[in-house]
Full PDB file with SEQRES, HELIX, SHEET, SSBOND, CRYST1, ORIGX, SCALE, CONECT and MASTER records, all heavy atoms in Angstrom:
SEQRES   1 A   39  ALA ILE LYS ARG ARG LEU ASP GLY TYR ARG ARG SER ASP          
SEQRES   2 A   39  ASN LEU PHE TYR PRO ILE ARG ILE ASP GLY ALA PHE LYS          
SEQRES   3 A   39  HIS VAL ARG THR ARG ALA VAL SER PRO PRO LYS ASN HIS          
HELIX    1 AA1 ILE A    2  ASP A    7  1                                   6    
CRYST1    1.000    1.000    1.000  90.00  90.00  90.00 P 1           1          
ORIGX1      1.000000  0.000000  0.000000        0.00000                         
ORIGX2      0.000000  1.000000  0.000000        0.00000                         
ORIGX3      0.000000  0.000000  1.000000        0.00000                         
SCALE1      1.000000  0.000000  0.000000        0.00000                         
SCALE2      0.000000  1.000000  0.000000        0.00000                         
SCALE3      0.000000  0.000000  1.000000        0.00000                         
ATOM      1  N   ALA A   1       2.682   5.636   9.707  1.00  0.00           N  
ATOM      2  CA  ALA A   1       1.508   5.867  10.543  1.00  0.00           C  
ATOM      3  C   ALA A   1       0.287   5.161   9.960  1.00  0.00           C  
ATOM      4  O   ALA A   1      -0.522   4.582  10.693  1.00  0.00           O  
ATOM      5  CB  ALA A   1       1.235   7.355  10.669  1.00  0.00           C  
ATOM      6  N   ILE A   2       0.163   5.184   8.640  1.00  0.00           N  
ATOM      7  CA  ILE A   2      -0.953   4.463   7.997  1.00  0.00           C  
ATOM      8  C   ILE A   2      -0.825   2.969   8.259  1.00  0.00           C  
ATOM      9  O   ILE A   2      -1.802   2.301   8.596  1.00  0.00           O  
ATOM     10  CB  ILE A   2      -0.970   4.762   6.475  1.00  0.00           C  
ATOM     11  CG1 ILE A   2      -1.350   6.229   6.250  1.00  0.00           C  
ATOM     12  CG2 ILE A   2      -1.928   3.826   5.749  1.00  0.00           C  
ATOM     13  CD1 ILE A   2      -1.187   6.680   4.804  1.00  0.00           C  
ATOM     14  N   LYS A   3       0.382   2.425   8.103  1.00  0.00           N  
ATOM     15  CA  LYS A   3       0.563   0.990   8.333  1.00  0.00           C  
ATOM     16  C   LYS A   3       0.239   0.616   9.779  1.00  0.00           C  
ATOM     17  O   LYS A   3      -0.402  -0.414  10.015  1.00  0.00           O  
ATOM     18  CB  LYS A   3       1.989   0.557   7.976  1.00  0.00           C  
ATOM     19  CG  LYS A   3       2.259   0.608   6.491  1.00  0.00           C  
ATOM     20  CD  LYS A   3       3.588  -0.018   6.101  1.00  0.00           C  
ATOM     21  CE  LYS A   3       4.769   0.717   6.634  1.00  0.00           C  
ATOM     22  NZ  LYS A   3       6.062   0.175   6.163  1.00  0.00           N  
ATOM     23  N   ARG A   4       0.650   1.428  10.732  1.00  0.00           N  
ATOM     24  CA  ARG A   4       0.334   1.135  12.150  1.00  0.00           C  
ATOM     25  C   ARG A   4      -1.182   1.140  12.360  1.00  0.00           C  
ATOM     26  O   ARG A   4      -1.710   0.281  13.063  1.00  0.00           O  
ATOM     27  CB  ARG A   4       1.012   2.144  13.082  1.00  0.00           C  
ATOM     28  CG  ARG A   4       2.499   1.889  13.261  1.00  0.00           C  
ATOM     29  CD  ARG A   4       3.099   2.722  14.389  1.00  0.00           C  
ATOM     30  NE  ARG A   4       2.929   4.152  14.190  1.00  0.00           N  
ATOM     31  CZ  ARG A   4       3.782   4.926  13.504  1.00  0.00           C  
ATOM     32  NH1 ARG A   4       4.843   4.408  12.951  1.00  0.00           N  
ATOM     33  NH2 ARG A   4       3.539   6.214  13.407  1.00  0.00           N  
ATOM     34  N   ARG A   5      -1.860   2.078  11.758  1.00  0.00           N  
ATOM     35  CA  ARG A   5      -3.317   2.139  11.880  1.00  0.00           C  
ATOM     36  C   ARG A   5      -3.959   0.887  11.259  1.00  0.00           C  
ATOM     37  O   ARG A   5      -4.844   0.280  11.845  1.00  0.00           O  
ATOM     38  CB  ARG A   5      -3.837   3.410  11.209  1.00  0.00           C  
ATOM     39  CG  ARG A   5      -5.341   3.568  11.221  1.00  0.00           C  
ATOM     40  CD  ARG A   5      -5.839   3.824  12.652  1.00  0.00           C  
ATOM     41  NE  ARG A   5      -7.267   3.988  12.690  1.00  0.00           N  
ATOM     42  CZ  ARG A   5      -7.891   5.126  12.898  1.00  0.00           C  
ATOM     43  NH1 ARG A   5      -7.207   6.218  13.100  1.00  0.00           N  
ATOM     44  NH2 ARG A   5      -9.191   5.165  12.927  1.00  0.00           N  
ATOM     45  N   LEU A   6      -3.485   0.516  10.099  1.00  0.00           N  
ATOM     46  CA  LEU A   6      -4.027  -0.669   9.413  1.00  0.00           C  
ATOM     47  C   LEU A   6      -3.738  -1.944  10.199  1.00  0.00           C  
ATOM     48  O   LEU A   6      -4.566  -2.872  10.221  1.00  0.00           O  
ATOM     49  CB  LEU A   6      -3.472  -0.781   8.003  1.00  0.00           C  
ATOM     50  CG  LEU A   6      -3.904   0.320   7.039  1.00  0.00           C  
ATOM     51  CD1 LEU A   6      -3.135   0.227   5.721  1.00  0.00           C  
ATOM     52  CD2 LEU A   6      -5.408   0.265   6.795  1.00  0.00           C  
ATOM     53  N   ASP A   7      -2.575  -1.999  10.841  1.00  0.00           N  
ATOM     54  CA  ASP A   7      -2.250  -3.174  11.668  1.00  0.00           C  
ATOM     55  C   ASP A   7      -3.329  -3.418  12.727  1.00  0.00           C  
ATOM     56  O   ASP A   7      -3.620  -4.569  13.071  1.00  0.00           O  
ATOM     57  CB  ASP A   7      -0.890  -2.990  12.372  1.00  0.00           C  
ATOM     58  CG  ASP A   7       0.289  -3.174  11.446  1.00  0.00           C  
ATOM     59  OD1 ASP A   7       0.125  -3.727  10.333  1.00  0.00           O  
ATOM     60  OD2 ASP A   7       1.407  -2.752  11.833  1.00  0.00           O  
ATOM     61  N   GLY A   8      -3.936  -2.358  13.227  1.00  0.00           N  
ATOM     62  CA  GLY A   8      -4.982  -2.484  14.242  1.00  0.00           C  
ATOM     63  C   GLY A   8      -6.253  -3.115  13.720  1.00  0.00           C  
ATOM     64  O   GLY A   8      -7.056  -3.636  14.510  1.00  0.00           O  
ATOM     65  N   TYR A   9      -6.453  -3.101  12.422  1.00  0.00           N  
ATOM     66  CA  TYR A   9      -7.640  -3.721  11.835  1.00  0.00           C  
ATOM     67  C   TYR A   9      -7.427  -5.191  11.484  1.00  0.00           C  
ATOM     68  O   TYR A   9      -8.387  -5.932  11.332  1.00  0.00           O  
ATOM     69  CB  TYR A   9      -8.063  -2.972  10.565  1.00  0.00           C  
ATOM     70  CG  TYR A   9      -8.521  -1.561  10.794  1.00  0.00           C  
ATOM     71  CD1 TYR A   9      -7.830  -0.493  10.213  1.00  0.00           C  
ATOM     72  CD2 TYR A   9      -9.625  -1.288  11.588  1.00  0.00           C  
ATOM     73  CE1 TYR A   9      -8.243   0.803  10.414  1.00  0.00           C  
ATOM     74  CE2 TYR A   9     -10.024   0.024  11.801  1.00  0.00           C  
ATOM     75  CZ  TYR A   9      -9.342   1.054  11.221  1.00  0.00           C  
ATOM     76  OH  TYR A   9      -9.751   2.348  11.417  1.00  0.00           O  
ATOM     77  N   ARG A  10      -6.187  -5.597  11.308  1.00  0.00           N  
ATOM     78  CA  ARG A  10      -5.911  -6.988  10.901  1.00  0.00           C  
ATOM     79  C   ARG A  10      -6.090  -7.926  12.092  1.00  0.00           C  
ATOM     80  O   ARG A  10      -5.601  -7.663  13.169  1.00  0.00           O  
ATOM     81  CB  ARG A  10      -4.494  -7.119  10.352  1.00  0.00           C  
ATOM     82  CG  ARG A  10      -4.310  -6.435   9.032  1.00  0.00           C  
ATOM     83  CD  ARG A  10      -2.982  -6.744   8.346  1.00  0.00           C  
ATOM     84  NE  ARG A  10      -1.820  -6.319   9.115  1.00  0.00           N  
ATOM     85  CZ  ARG A  10      -1.011  -7.144   9.771  1.00  0.00           C  
ATOM     86  NH1 ARG A  10      -1.197  -8.439   9.763  1.00  0.00           N  
ATOM     87  NH2 ARG A  10       0.010  -6.658  10.446  1.00  0.00           N  
ATOM     88  N   ARG A  11      -6.801  -9.021  11.863  1.00  0.00           N  
ATOM     89  CA  ARG A  11      -7.032 -10.024  12.908  1.00  0.00           C  
ATOM     90  C   ARG A  11      -5.914 -11.063  12.962  1.00  0.00           C  
ATOM     91  O   ARG A  11      -5.772 -11.792  13.930  1.00  0.00           O  
ATOM     92  CB  ARG A  11      -8.354 -10.757  12.669  1.00  0.00           C  
ATOM     93  CG  ARG A  11      -9.569  -9.871  12.768  1.00  0.00           C  
ATOM     94  CD  ARG A  11     -10.835 -10.708  12.581  1.00  0.00           C  
ATOM     95  NE  ARG A  11     -10.652 -11.706  11.537  1.00  0.00           N  
ATOM     96  CZ  ARG A  11     -11.248 -11.678  10.344  1.00  0.00           C  
ATOM     97  NH1 ARG A  11     -12.064 -10.724  10.032  1.00  0.00           N  
ATOM     98  NH2 ARG A  11     -11.013 -12.619   9.463  1.00  0.00           N  
ATOM     99  N   SER A  12      -5.123 -11.152  11.882  1.00  0.00           N  
ATOM    100  CA  SER A  12      -4.100 -12.179  11.805  1.00  0.00           C  
ATOM    101  C   SER A  12      -2.983 -11.724  10.867  1.00  0.00           C  
ATOM    102  O   SER A  12      -3.227 -10.984   9.907  1.00  0.00           O  
ATOM    103  CB  SER A  12      -4.713 -13.476  11.254  1.00  0.00           C  
ATOM    104  OG  SER A  12      -3.714 -14.435  10.971  1.00  0.00           O  
ATOM    105  N   ASP A  13      -1.780 -12.195  11.130  1.00  0.00           N  
ATOM    106  CA  ASP A  13      -0.665 -11.952  10.237  1.00  0.00           C  
ATOM    107  C   ASP A  13      -0.640 -12.962   9.098  1.00  0.00           C  
ATOM    108  O   ASP A  13       0.201 -12.887   8.205  1.00  0.00           O  
ATOM    109  CB  ASP A  13       0.671 -12.038  10.994  1.00  0.00           C  
ATOM    110  CG  ASP A  13       0.869 -10.864  11.931  1.00  0.00           C  
ATOM    111  OD1 ASP A  13       0.247  -9.810  11.720  1.00  0.00           O  
ATOM    112  OD2 ASP A  13       1.658 -11.011  12.879  1.00  0.00           O  
ATOM    113  N   ASN A  14      -1.542 -13.950   9.131  1.00  0.00           N  
ATOM    114  CA  ASN A  14      -1.538 -15.052   8.165  1.00  0.00           C  
ATOM    115  C   ASN A  14      -2.672 -14.983   7.153  1.00  0.00           C  
ATOM    116  O   ASN A  14      -2.989 -15.966   6.503  1.00  0.00           O  
ATOM    117  CB  ASN A  14      -1.581 -16.397   8.888  1.00  0.00           C  
ATOM    118  CG  ASN A  14      -0.295 -16.641   9.628  1.00  0.00           C  
ATOM    119  OD1 ASN A  14       0.787 -16.369   9.130  1.00  0.00           O  
ATOM    120  ND2 ASN A  14      -0.413 -17.150  10.848  1.00  0.00           N  
ATOM    121  N   LEU A  15      -3.306 -13.811   7.025  1.00  0.00           N  
ATOM    122  CA  LEU A  15      -4.388 -13.624   6.066  1.00  0.00           C  
ATOM    123  C   LEU A  15      -4.064 -12.499   5.105  1.00  0.00           C  
ATOM    124  O   LEU A  15      -3.291 -11.595   5.436  1.00  0.00           O  
ATOM    125  CB  LEU A  15      -5.700 -13.297   6.789  1.00  0.00           C  
ATOM    126  CG  LEU A  15      -6.268 -14.331   7.726  1.00  0.00           C  
ATOM    127  CD1 LEU A  15      -7.472 -13.785   8.477  1.00  0.00           C  
ATOM    128  CD2 LEU A  15      -6.655 -15.588   6.952  1.00  0.00           C  
ATOM    129  N   PHE A  16      -4.638 -12.561   3.903  1.00  0.00           N  
ATOM    130  CA  PHE A  16      -4.550 -11.459   2.953  1.00  0.00           C  
ATOM    131  C   PHE A  16      -5.646 -10.457   3.288  1.00  0.00           C  
ATOM    132  O   PHE A  16      -6.746 -10.843   3.675  1.00  0.00           O  
ATOM    133  CB  PHE A  16      -4.762 -11.975   1.516  1.00  0.00           C  
ATOM    134  CG  PHE A  16      -3.632 -12.788   1.008  1.00  0.00           C  
ATOM    135  CD1 PHE A  16      -3.537 -14.153   1.286  1.00  0.00           C  
ATOM    136  CD2 PHE A  16      -2.640 -12.214   0.230  1.00  0.00           C  
ATOM    137  CE1 PHE A  16      -2.495 -14.916   0.813  1.00  0.00           C  
ATOM    138  CE2 PHE A  16      -1.588 -12.969  -0.248  1.00  0.00           C  
ATOM    139  CZ  PHE A  16      -1.521 -14.319   0.041  1.00  0.00           C  
ATOM    140  N   TYR A  17      -5.367  -9.166   3.113  1.00  0.00           N  
ATOM    141  CA  TYR A  17      -6.343  -8.123   3.364  1.00  0.00           C  
ATOM    142  C   TYR A  17      -6.337  -7.123   2.209  1.00  0.00           C  
ATOM    143  O   TYR A  17      -5.288  -6.546   1.914  1.00  0.00           O  
ATOM    144  CB  TYR A  17      -6.021  -7.349   4.659  1.00  0.00           C  
ATOM    145  CG  TYR A  17      -6.223  -8.150   5.907  1.00  0.00           C  
ATOM    146  CD1 TYR A  17      -5.188  -8.894   6.462  1.00  0.00           C  
ATOM    147  CD2 TYR A  17      -7.461  -8.181   6.551  1.00  0.00           C  
ATOM    148  CE1 TYR A  17      -5.376  -9.651   7.603  1.00  0.00           C  
ATOM    149  CE2 TYR A  17      -7.662  -8.932   7.688  1.00  0.00           C  
ATOM    150  CZ  TYR A  17      -6.607  -9.665   8.222  1.00  0.00           C  
ATOM    151  OH  TYR A  17      -6.800 -10.401   9.355  1.00  0.00           O  
ATOM    152  N   PRO A  18      -7.481  -6.914   1.576  1.00  0.00           N  
ATOM    153  CA  PRO A  18      -7.574  -5.825   0.598  1.00  0.00           C  
ATOM    154  C   PRO A  18      -7.828  -4.520   1.337  1.00  0.00           C  
ATOM    155  O   PRO A  18      -8.563  -4.483   2.330  1.00  0.00           O  
ATOM    156  CB  PRO A  18      -8.772  -6.223  -0.259  1.00  0.00           C  
ATOM    157  CG  PRO A  18      -9.641  -7.005   0.666  1.00  0.00           C  
ATOM    158  CD  PRO A  18      -8.702  -7.704   1.632  1.00  0.00           C  
ATOM    159  N   ILE A  19      -7.214  -3.448   0.871  1.00  0.00           N  
ATOM    160  CA  ILE A  19      -7.317  -2.154   1.574  1.00  0.00           C  
ATOM    161  C   ILE A  19      -7.570  -1.060   0.544  1.00  0.00           C  
ATOM    162  O   ILE A  19      -6.822  -0.928  -0.431  1.00  0.00           O  
ATOM    163  CB  ILE A  19      -6.019  -1.832   2.327  1.00  0.00           C  
ATOM    164  CG1 ILE A  19      -5.702  -2.950   3.324  1.00  0.00           C  
ATOM    165  CG2 ILE A  19      -6.114  -0.478   3.006  1.00  0.00           C  
ATOM    166  CD1 ILE A  19      -4.244  -3.045   3.666  1.00  0.00           C  
ATOM    167  N   ARG A  20      -8.611  -0.307   0.772  1.00  0.00           N  
ATOM    168  CA  ARG A  20      -8.925   0.829  -0.089  1.00  0.00           C  
ATOM    169  C   ARG A  20      -8.975   2.080   0.784  1.00  0.00           C  
ATOM    170  O   ARG A  20      -9.726   2.126   1.760  1.00  0.00           O  
ATOM    171  CB  ARG A  20     -10.275   0.628  -0.785  1.00  0.00           C  
ATOM    172  CG  ARG A  20     -10.678   1.819  -1.624  1.00  0.00           C  
ATOM    173  CD  ARG A  20     -11.975   1.607  -2.355  1.00  0.00           C  
ATOM    174  NE  ARG A  20     -12.330   2.818  -3.067  1.00  0.00           N  
ATOM    175  CZ  ARG A  20     -13.224   2.861  -4.030  1.00  0.00           C  
ATOM    176  NH1 ARG A  20     -13.872   1.770  -4.401  1.00  0.00           N  
ATOM    177  NH2 ARG A  20     -13.491   4.016  -4.618  1.00  0.00           N  
ATOM    178  N   ILE A  21      -8.155   3.063   0.415  1.00  0.00           N  
ATOM    179  CA  ILE A  21      -8.141   4.337   1.135  1.00  0.00           C  
ATOM    180  C   ILE A  21      -8.417   5.439   0.122  1.00  0.00           C  
ATOM    181  O   ILE A  21      -7.595   5.706  -0.764  1.00  0.00           O  
ATOM    182  CB  ILE A  21      -6.794   4.586   1.847  1.00  0.00           C  
ATOM    183  CG1 ILE A  21      -6.487   3.451   2.830  1.00  0.00           C  
ATOM    184  CG2 ILE A  21      -6.829   5.935   2.548  1.00  0.00           C  
ATOM    185  CD1 ILE A  21      -5.110   3.539   3.473  1.00  0.00           C  
ATOM    186  N   ASP A  22      -9.588   6.050   0.224  1.00  0.00           N  
ATOM    187  CA  ASP A  22      -9.965   7.193  -0.603  1.00  0.00           C  
ATOM    188  C   ASP A  22      -9.704   8.448   0.191  1.00  0.00           C  
ATOM    189  O   ASP A  22     -10.011   8.494   1.381  1.00  0.00           O  
ATOM    190  CB  ASP A  22     -11.443   7.136  -0.955  1.00  0.00           C  
ATOM    191  CG  ASP A  22     -11.816   5.939  -1.807  1.00  0.00           C  
ATOM    192  OD1 ASP A  22     -11.279   5.843  -2.932  1.00  0.00           O  
ATOM    193  OD2 ASP A  22     -12.607   5.101  -1.348  1.00  0.00           O  
ATOM    194  N   GLY A  23      -9.155   9.469  -0.469  1.00  0.00           N  
ATOM    195  CA  GLY A  23      -8.935  10.693   0.295  1.00  0.00           C  
ATOM    196  C   GLY A  23      -8.256  11.787  -0.482  1.00  0.00           C  
ATOM    197  O   GLY A  23      -7.943  11.652  -1.654  1.00  0.00           O  
ATOM    198  N   ALA A  24      -8.028  12.859   0.256  1.00  0.00           N  
ATOM    199  CA  ALA A  24      -7.246  13.978  -0.218  1.00  0.00           C  
ATOM    200  C   ALA A  24      -5.875  13.839   0.456  1.00  0.00           C  
ATOM    201  O   ALA A  24      -5.798  13.838   1.672  1.00  0.00           O  
ATOM    202  CB  ALA A  24      -7.925  15.299   0.148  1.00  0.00           C  
ATOM    203  N   PHE A  25      -4.852  13.693  -0.335  1.00  0.00           N  
ATOM    204  CA  PHE A  25      -3.512  13.435   0.182  1.00  0.00           C  
ATOM    205  C   PHE A  25      -2.645  14.678   0.000  1.00  0.00           C  
ATOM    206  O   PHE A  25      -2.557  15.219  -1.112  1.00  0.00           O  
ATOM    207  CB  PHE A  25      -2.892  12.243  -0.547  1.00  0.00           C  
ATOM    208  CG  PHE A  25      -3.670  10.971  -0.385  1.00  0.00           C  
ATOM    209  CD1 PHE A  25      -4.670  10.632  -1.294  1.00  0.00           C  
ATOM    210  CD2 PHE A  25      -3.429  10.114   0.665  1.00  0.00           C  
ATOM    211  CE1 PHE A  25      -5.393   9.469  -1.152  1.00  0.00           C  
ATOM    212  CE2 PHE A  25      -4.141   8.951   0.826  1.00  0.00           C  
ATOM    213  CZ  PHE A  25      -5.135   8.622  -0.085  1.00  0.00           C  
ATOM    214  N   LYS A  26      -1.988  15.072   1.060  1.00  0.00           N  
ATOM    215  CA  LYS A  26      -1.076  16.216   0.971  1.00  0.00           C  
ATOM    216  C   LYS A  26       0.088  15.877   0.048  1.00  0.00           C  
ATOM    217  O   LYS A  26       0.539  16.707  -0.733  1.00  0.00           O  
ATOM    218  CB  LYS A  26      -0.570  16.568   2.371  1.00  0.00           C  
ATOM    219  CG  LYS A  26       0.316  17.781   2.412  1.00  0.00           C  
ATOM    220  CD  LYS A  26       0.707  18.099   3.857  1.00  0.00           C  
ATOM    221  CE  LYS A  26       1.640  19.280   3.928  1.00  0.00           C  
ATOM    222  NZ  LYS A  26       2.045  19.545   5.301  1.00  0.00           N  
ATOM    223  N   HIS A  27       0.569  14.622   0.145  1.00  0.00           N  
ATOM    224  CA  HIS A  27       1.698  14.206  -0.675  1.00  0.00           C  
ATOM    225  C   HIS A  27       1.642  12.688  -0.851  1.00  0.00           C  
ATOM    226  O   HIS A  27       1.506  11.950   0.127  1.00  0.00           O  
ATOM    227  CB  HIS A  27       3.015  14.602   0.015  1.00  0.00           C  
ATOM    228  CG  HIS A  27       4.228  14.169  -0.725  1.00  0.00           C  
ATOM    229  ND1 HIS A  27       5.306  13.602  -0.094  1.00  0.00           N  
ATOM    230  CD2 HIS A  27       4.557  14.202  -2.042  1.00  0.00           C  
ATOM    231  CE1 HIS A  27       6.248  13.314  -0.984  1.00  0.00           C  
ATOM    232  NE2 HIS A  27       5.803  13.667  -2.168  1.00  0.00           N  
ATOM    233  N   VAL A  28       1.752  12.253  -2.092  1.00  0.00           N  
ATOM    234  CA  VAL A  28       1.849  10.818  -2.391  1.00  0.00           C  
ATOM    235  C   VAL A  28       3.065  10.641  -3.292  1.00  0.00           C  
ATOM    236  O   VAL A  28       3.163  11.268  -4.349  1.00  0.00           O  
ATOM    237  CB  VAL A  28       0.594  10.272  -3.111  1.00  0.00           C  
ATOM    238  CG1 VAL A  28       0.767   8.800  -3.438  1.00  0.00           C  
ATOM    239  CG2 VAL A  28      -0.654  10.487  -2.284  1.00  0.00           C  
ATOM    240  N   ARG A  29       3.999   9.818  -2.850  1.00  0.00           N  
ATOM    241  CA  ARG A  29       5.181   9.503  -3.667  1.00  0.00           C  
ATOM    242  C   ARG A  29       4.999   8.090  -4.200  1.00  0.00           C  
ATOM    243  O   ARG A  29       4.755   7.157  -3.438  1.00  0.00           O  
ATOM    244  CB  ARG A  29       6.455   9.586  -2.851  1.00  0.00           C  
ATOM    245  CG  ARG A  29       7.651   9.085  -3.658  1.00  0.00           C  
ATOM    246  CD  ARG A  29       8.942   9.427  -3.029  1.00  0.00           C  
ATOM    247  NE  ARG A  29       9.556  10.298  -4.027  1.00  0.00           N  
ATOM    248  CZ  ARG A  29      10.616  11.022  -3.840  1.00  0.00           C  
ATOM    249  NH1 ARG A  29      11.207  11.034  -2.692  1.00  0.00           N  
ATOM    250  NH2 ARG A  29      11.092  11.748  -4.798  1.00  0.00           N  
ATOM    251  N   THR A  30       5.093   7.961  -5.527  1.00  0.00           N  
ATOM    252  CA  THR A  30       4.908   6.663  -6.161  1.00  0.00           C  
ATOM    253  C   THR A  30       6.087   6.357  -7.072  1.00  0.00           C  
ATOM    254  O   THR A  30       6.926   7.220  -7.324  1.00  0.00           O  
ATOM    255  CB  THR A  30       3.605   6.645  -6.988  1.00  0.00           C  
ATOM    256  OG1 THR A  30       3.742   7.544  -8.089  1.00  0.00           O  
ATOM    257  CG2 THR A  30       2.401   7.029  -6.155  1.00  0.00           C  
ATOM    258  N   ARG A  31       6.073   5.146  -7.607  1.00  0.00           N  
ATOM    259  CA  ARG A  31       7.092   4.751  -8.576  1.00  0.00           C  
ATOM    260  C   ARG A  31       6.451   3.842  -9.597  1.00  0.00           C  
ATOM    261  O   ARG A  31       5.439   3.186  -9.324  1.00  0.00           O  
ATOM    262  CB  ARG A  31       8.260   4.052  -7.900  1.00  0.00           C  
ATOM    263  CG  ARG A  31       7.827   2.760  -7.226  1.00  0.00           C  
ATOM    264  CD  ARG A  31       8.969   1.823  -6.941  1.00  0.00           C  
ATOM    265  NE  ARG A  31       8.481   0.590  -6.394  1.00  0.00           N  
ATOM    266  CZ  ARG A  31       7.958  -0.399  -7.088  1.00  0.00           C  
ATOM    267  NH1 ARG A  31       7.831  -0.299  -8.379  1.00  0.00           N  
ATOM    268  NH2 ARG A  31       7.553  -1.506  -6.516  1.00  0.00           N  
ATOM    269  N   ALA A  32       7.039   3.805 -10.764  1.00  0.00           N  
ATOM    270  CA  ALA A  32       6.578   2.887 -11.805  1.00  0.00           C  
ATOM    271  C   ALA A  32       7.802   2.413 -12.581  1.00  0.00           C  
ATOM    272  O   ALA A  32       8.627   3.217 -13.002  1.00  0.00           O  
ATOM    273  CB  ALA A  32       5.590   3.581 -12.738  1.00  0.00           C  
ATOM    274  N   VAL A  33       7.898   1.115 -12.758  1.00  0.00           N  
ATOM    275  CA  VAL A  33       9.017   0.566 -13.521  1.00  0.00           C  
ATOM    276  C   VAL A  33       8.705   0.691 -15.009  1.00  0.00           C  
ATOM    277  O   VAL A  33       7.549   0.688 -15.430  1.00  0.00           O  
ATOM    278  CB  VAL A  33       9.327  -0.905 -13.151  1.00  0.00           C  
ATOM    279  CG1 VAL A  33       9.779  -1.021 -11.722  1.00  0.00           C  
ATOM    280  CG2 VAL A  33       8.150  -1.800 -13.431  1.00  0.00           C  
ATOM    281  N   SER A  34       9.777   0.806 -15.786  1.00  0.00           N  
ATOM    282  CA  SER A  34       9.680   0.780 -17.235  1.00  0.00           C  
ATOM    283  C   SER A  34      10.132  -0.595 -17.697  1.00  0.00           C  
ATOM    284  O   SER A  34      10.882  -1.274 -17.001  1.00  0.00           O  
ATOM    285  CB  SER A  34      10.613   1.827 -17.854  1.00  0.00           C  
ATOM    286  OG  SER A  34      10.224   3.113 -17.449  1.00  0.00           O  
ATOM    287  N   PRO A  35       9.691  -1.004 -18.898  1.00  0.00           N  
ATOM    288  CA  PRO A  35      10.191  -2.286 -19.398  1.00  0.00           C  
ATOM    289  C   PRO A  35      11.714  -2.282 -19.423  1.00  0.00           C  
ATOM    290  O   PRO A  35      12.324  -1.333 -19.929  1.00  0.00           O  
ATOM    291  CB  PRO A  35       9.615  -2.368 -20.812  1.00  0.00           C  
ATOM    292  CG  PRO A  35       8.426  -1.473 -20.796  1.00  0.00           C  
ATOM    293  CD  PRO A  35       8.777  -0.366 -19.829  1.00  0.00           C  
ATOM    294  N   PRO A  36      12.367  -3.295 -18.863  1.00  0.00           N  
ATOM    295  CA  PRO A  36      13.831  -3.311 -18.827  1.00  0.00           C  
ATOM    296  C   PRO A  36      14.402  -3.576 -20.226  1.00  0.00           C  
ATOM    297  O   PRO A  36      13.782  -4.230 -21.046  1.00  0.00           O  
ATOM    298  CB  PRO A  36      14.164  -4.455 -17.878  1.00  0.00           C  
ATOM    299  CG  PRO A  36      12.967  -5.334 -17.908  1.00  0.00           C  
ATOM    300  CD  PRO A  36      11.794  -4.445 -18.178  1.00  0.00           C  
ATOM    301  N   LYS A  37      15.597  -3.066 -20.431  1.00  0.00           N  
ATOM    302  CA  LYS A  37      16.282  -3.306 -21.711  1.00  0.00           C  
ATOM    303  C   LYS A  37      16.725  -4.750 -21.787  1.00  0.00           C  
ATOM    304  O   LYS A  37      17.122  -5.351 -20.797  1.00  0.00           O  
ATOM    305  CB  LYS A  37      17.483  -2.367 -21.828  1.00  0.00           C  
ATOM    306  CG  LYS A  37      17.073  -0.921 -21.896  1.00  0.00           C  
ATOM    307  CD  LYS A  37      18.273  -0.007 -21.958  1.00  0.00           C  
ATOM    308  CE  LYS A  37      17.735   1.406 -22.024  1.00  0.00           C  
ATOM    309  NZ  LYS A  37      18.668   2.409 -21.677  1.00  0.00           N  
ATOM    310  N   ASN A  38      16.666  -5.308 -22.974  1.00  0.00           N  
ATOM    311  CA  ASN A  38      17.143  -6.670 -23.252  1.00  0.00           C  
ATOM    312  C   ASN A  38      16.520  -7.711 -22.324  1.00  0.00           C  
ATOM    313  O   ASN A  38      17.175  -8.664 -21.925  1.00  0.00           O  
ATOM    314  CB  ASN A  38      18.658  -6.732 -23.163  1.00  0.00           C  
ATOM    315  CG  ASN A  38      19.312  -5.757 -24.110  1.00  0.00           C  
ATOM    316  OD1 ASN A  38      18.859  -5.571 -25.239  1.00  0.00           O  
ATOM    317  ND2 ASN A  38      20.368  -5.092 -23.652  1.00  0.00           N  
ATOM    318  N   HIS A  39      15.262  -7.499 -21.951  1.00  0.00           N  
ATOM    319  CA  HIS A  39      14.530  -8.446 -21.090  1.00  0.00           C  
ATOM    320  C   HIS A  39      15.289  -8.753 -19.807  1.00  0.00           C  
ATOM    321  O   HIS A  39      15.380  -9.894 -19.374  1.00  0.00           O  
ATOM    322  CB  HIS A  39      14.238  -9.738 -21.857  1.00  0.00           C  
ATOM    323  CG  HIS A  39      13.371  -9.500 -23.037  1.00  0.00           C  
ATOM    324  ND1 HIS A  39      12.056  -9.150 -22.930  1.00  0.00           N  
ATOM    325  CD2 HIS A  39      13.650  -9.516 -24.379  1.00  0.00           C  
ATOM    326  CE1 HIS A  39      11.550  -8.979 -24.138  1.00  0.00           C  
ATOM    327  NE2 HIS A  39      12.489  -9.182 -25.037  1.00  0.00           N  
TER     328      HIS A  39                                                      
MASTER        0    0    0    1    0    0    0    6  327    1    0    3          
END                                                                             
């Protein structure tokens, strides 16, 4: 739903867009990689 809303603000599919969303989030699922073993 957030992506669909953001799509409405983009003027082109060929440009970079920085996006900042400040808020109170009911749930945010994130991930972080760890350094891999043996490079």
